[in-house]
Each structure stands twice: as structure tokens, then as C-alpha cells.
């Protein structure tokens, strides 16, 4: 397998994964991958994959403890589909507790 064929295969796999791994789209993914590989091959020197590898290889690795782990995000609220002709209600603030009346 040539380097070009390997790069097309890598592109096709990345496209397939980015689209959620759909079935029956192989021909379209391979066509897109071939076009990307051709464009990459025609790109001026310094813009392709080899320049990216050289840039990555030149950077020293940072210490693993340099950046603290990010806190997990809270789950998003589920979206409710809007009905035609109905305006969504504005989010209401919770009411303050009522003071007891003297009596």
C-alpha cells in the first residue's frame, strides 16, 4: 500500500467517524478522502501533513501535572420541541417564602 493510499484510507475513516459512522456511505467517504489527499499533495510545502509532524516533533512535551483536570459539565436540560403558533413560556424565578401574618 502506497503512502497516498494509506492517507486516503485515514481520511475516509476520519470522515466516517465524524459523521457518526453511518452505513452505506462508503463511496462518498472514499471520494471525499481522495479529494482531500489530492489537495494535500498539491499544497505548497509547509502546509501538508509532513510540516505538521515536524512541528509536533519539535515541541517539548509538557509535564503531565502542569494543567489540572477540568471539572465535568452538568448535564444539559432537555430541549422541548415548540408547537407551531405557541410562544414558549419565559423561565420563572422561584418565589420567596411568604412571611407568616401576625394574628
C-alpha atoms as a PDB file:
ATOM      1  CA  UNK A   1       0.000   0.000   0.000  1.00  0.00           C
ATOM      2  CA  UNK A   2       1.489   3.337  -1.001  1.00  0.00           C
ATOM      3  CA  UNK A   3       1.642   6.351   1.267  1.00  0.00           C
ATOM      4  CA  UNK A   4      -1.094   8.007  -0.801  1.00  0.00           C
ATOM      5  CA  UNK A   5      -3.428   5.008  -0.413  1.00  0.00           C
ATOM      6  CA  UNK A   6      -2.769   4.946   3.315  1.00  0.00           C
ATOM      7  CA  UNK A   7      -3.563   8.676   3.596  1.00  0.00           C
ATOM      8  CA  UNK A   8      -6.823   8.238   1.628  1.00  0.00           C
ATOM      9  CA  UNK A   9      -7.773   5.382   3.971  1.00  0.00           C
ATOM     10  CA  UNK A  10      -7.034   7.581   7.011  1.00  0.00           C
ATOM     11  CA  UNK A  11      -9.127  10.442   5.604  1.00  0.00           C
ATOM     12  CA  UNK A  12     -12.030   8.120   4.757  1.00  0.00           C
ATOM     13  CA  UNK A  13     -12.017   6.705   8.274  1.00  0.00           C
ATOM     14  CA  UNK A  14     -11.947  10.191   9.828  1.00  0.00           C
ATOM     15  CA  UNK A  15     -14.862  11.299   7.647  1.00  0.00           C
ATOM     16  CA  UNK A  16     -16.829   8.149   8.521  1.00  0.00           C
ATOM     17  CA  UNK A  17     -16.236   8.695  12.256  1.00  0.00           C
ATOM     18  CA  UNK A  18     -17.053  12.424  12.116  1.00  0.00           C
ATOM     19  CA  UNK A  19     -20.428  11.655  10.510  1.00  0.00           C
ATOM     20  CA  UNK A  20     -21.393   9.211  13.252  1.00  0.00           C
ATOM     21  CA  UNK A  21     -20.302   6.011  11.458  1.00  0.00           C
ATOM     22  CA  UNK A  22     -23.236   5.784   9.024  1.00  0.00           C
ATOM     23  CA  UNK A  23     -23.755   2.689   6.911  1.00  0.00           C
ATOM     24  CA  UNK A  24     -23.974   2.799   3.109  1.00  0.00           C
ATOM     25  CA  UNK A  25     -21.888   5.970   2.642  1.00  0.00           C
ATOM     26  CA  UNK A  26     -18.581   4.303   1.790  1.00  0.00           C
ATOM     27  CA  UNK A  27     -18.364   5.514  -1.820  1.00  0.00           C
ATOM     28  CA  UNK A  28     -18.995   9.131  -0.833  1.00  0.00           C
ATOM     29  CA  UNK A  29     -16.453   8.938   2.013  1.00  0.00           C
ATOM     30  CA  UNK A  30     -13.788   7.448  -0.280  1.00  0.00           C
ATOM     31  CA  UNK A  31     -14.411  10.143  -2.928  1.00  0.00           C
ATOM     32  CA  UNK A  32     -14.113  12.886  -0.322  1.00  0.00           C
ATOM     33  CA  UNK A  33     -10.967  11.283   1.083  1.00  0.00           C
ATOM     34  CA  UNK A  34      -9.345  11.055  -2.372  1.00  0.00           C
ATOM     35  CA  UNK A  35     -10.052  14.736  -2.996  1.00  0.00           C
ATOM     36  CA  UNK A  36      -8.584  15.703   0.381  1.00  0.00           C
ATOM     37  CA  UNK A  37      -5.464  13.617  -0.220  1.00  0.00           C
ATOM     38  CA  UNK A  38      -5.011  15.154  -3.687  1.00  0.00           C
ATOM     39  CA  UNK A  39      -5.409  18.664  -2.292  1.00  0.00           C
ATOM     40  CA  UNK A  40      -2.930  17.862   0.474  1.00  0.00           C
ATOM     41  CA  UNK A  41      -0.418  16.547  -2.081  1.00  0.00           C
ATOM     42  CA  UNK A  42      -0.786  19.689  -4.226  1.00  0.00           C
ATOM     43  CA  UNK A  43      -0.476  22.058  -1.250  1.00  0.00           C
ATOM     44  CA  UNK A  44       2.723  24.095  -1.062  1.00  0.00           C
ATOM     45  CA  UNK A  45       5.485  22.646   1.094  1.00  0.00           C
ATOM     46  CA  UNK A  46       4.976  23.510   4.763  1.00  0.00           C
ATOM     47  CA  UNK A  47       1.169  23.239   4.605  1.00  0.00           C
ATOM     48  CA  UNK A  48       0.759  19.456   4.463  1.00  0.00           C
ATOM     49  CA  UNK A  49       0.991  16.547   6.858  1.00  0.00           C
ATOM     50  CA  UNK A  50       4.816  16.426   6.922  1.00  0.00           C
ATOM     51  CA  UNK A  51       5.033  20.011   8.206  1.00  0.00           C
ATOM     52  CA  UNK A  52       2.534  19.233  10.952  1.00  0.00           C
ATOM     53  CA  UNK A  53       4.598  16.212  12.008  1.00  0.00           C
ATOM     54  CA  UNK A  54       7.774  18.295  12.072  1.00  0.00           C
ATOM     55  CA  UNK A  55       6.088  20.952  14.191  1.00  0.00           C
ATOM     56  CA  UNK A  56       4.800  18.371  16.664  1.00  0.00           C
ATOM     57  CA  UNK A  57       8.182  16.642  16.883  1.00  0.00           C
ATOM     58  CA  UNK A  58       9.952  19.947  17.615  1.00  0.00           C
ATOM     59  CA  UNK A  59       7.776  20.816  20.640  1.00  0.00           C
ATOM     60  CA  UNK A  60       8.983  19.538  24.015  1.00  0.00           C
ATOM     61  CA  UNK A  61       6.403  17.612  25.989  1.00  0.00           C
ATOM     62  CA  UNK A  62       4.890  19.467  28.942  1.00  0.00           C
ATOM     63  CA  UNK A  63       4.686  17.902  32.377  1.00  0.00           C
ATOM     64  CA  UNK A  64       1.522  15.894  32.942  1.00  0.00           C
ATOM     65  CA  UNK A  65       0.718  17.761  36.161  1.00  0.00           C
ATOM     66  CA  UNK A  66       1.043  21.229  34.601  1.00  0.00           C
ATOM     67  CA  UNK A  67      -2.681  21.591  33.895  1.00  0.00           C
ATOM     68  CA  UNK A  68      -5.384  20.487  36.340  1.00  0.00           C
ATOM     69  CA  UNK A  69      -8.211  18.327  35.053  1.00  0.00           C
ATOM     70  CA  UNK A  70     -11.354  20.227  34.096  1.00  0.00           C
ATOM     71  CA  UNK A  71     -14.470  19.704  36.189  1.00  0.00           C
ATOM     72  CA  UNK A  72     -17.209  17.752  34.410  1.00  0.00           C
ATOM     73  CA  UNK A  73     -20.031  19.831  32.974  1.00  0.00           C
ATOM     74  CA  UNK A  74     -23.519  19.409  34.399  1.00  0.00           C
ATOM     75  CA  UNK A  75     -25.959  17.655  32.061  1.00  0.00           C
ATOM     76  CA  UNK A  76     -27.808  19.970  29.705  1.00  0.00           C
ATOM     77  CA  UNK A  77     -31.515  20.471  30.154  1.00  0.00           C
ATOM     78  CA  UNK A  78     -33.569  18.573  27.604  1.00  0.00           C
ATOM     79  CA  UNK A  79     -34.903  20.648  24.734  1.00  0.00           C
ATOM     80  CA  UNK A  80     -38.628  20.726  24.203  1.00  0.00           C
ATOM     81  CA  UNK A  81     -39.960  20.938  20.664  1.00  0.00           C
ATOM     82  CA  UNK A  82     -42.014  24.075  20.052  1.00  0.00           C
ATOM     83  CA  UNK A  83     -45.551  23.805  18.765  1.00  0.00           C
ATOM     84  CA  UNK A  84     -46.480  25.980  15.800  1.00  0.00           C
ATOM     85  CA  UNK A  85     -48.195  29.190  16.868  1.00  0.00           C
ATOM     86  CA  UNK A  86     -47.366  28.755  20.577  1.00  0.00           C
ATOM     87  CA  UNK A  87     -44.884  31.072  22.259  1.00  0.00           C
ATOM     88  CA  UNK A  88     -42.515  29.425  24.745  1.00  0.00           C
ATOM     89  CA  UNK A  89     -43.067  30.421  28.358  1.00  0.00           C
ATOM     90  CA  UNK A  90     -40.393  32.552  29.968  1.00  0.00           C
ATOM     91  CA  UNK A  91     -38.391  30.906  32.722  1.00  0.00           C
ATOM     92  CA  UNK A  92     -39.848  31.914  36.088  1.00  0.00           C
ATOM     93  CA  UNK A  93     -37.831  32.729  39.170  1.00  0.00           C
ATOM     94  CA  UNK A  94     -38.790  30.799  42.290  1.00  0.00           C
ATOM     95  CA  UNK A  95     -40.963  32.772  44.652  1.00  0.00           C
ATOM     96  CA  UNK A  96     -39.673  33.862  48.034  1.00  0.00           C
ATOM     97  CA  UNK A  97     -41.293  32.216  51.013  1.00  0.00           C
ATOM     98  CA  UNK A  98     -44.206  34.204  52.456  1.00  0.00           C
ATOM     99  CA  UNK A  99     -43.833  35.626  55.925  1.00  0.00           C
ATOM    100  CA  UNK A 100     -46.392  34.403  58.416  1.00  0.00           C
ATOM    101  CA  UNK A 101     -49.017  37.011  59.385  1.00  0.00           C
ATOM    102  CA  UNK A 102     -49.342  38.069  62.986  1.00  0.00           C
ATOM    103  CA  UNK A 103     -52.609  37.247  64.190  1.00  0.00           C
END
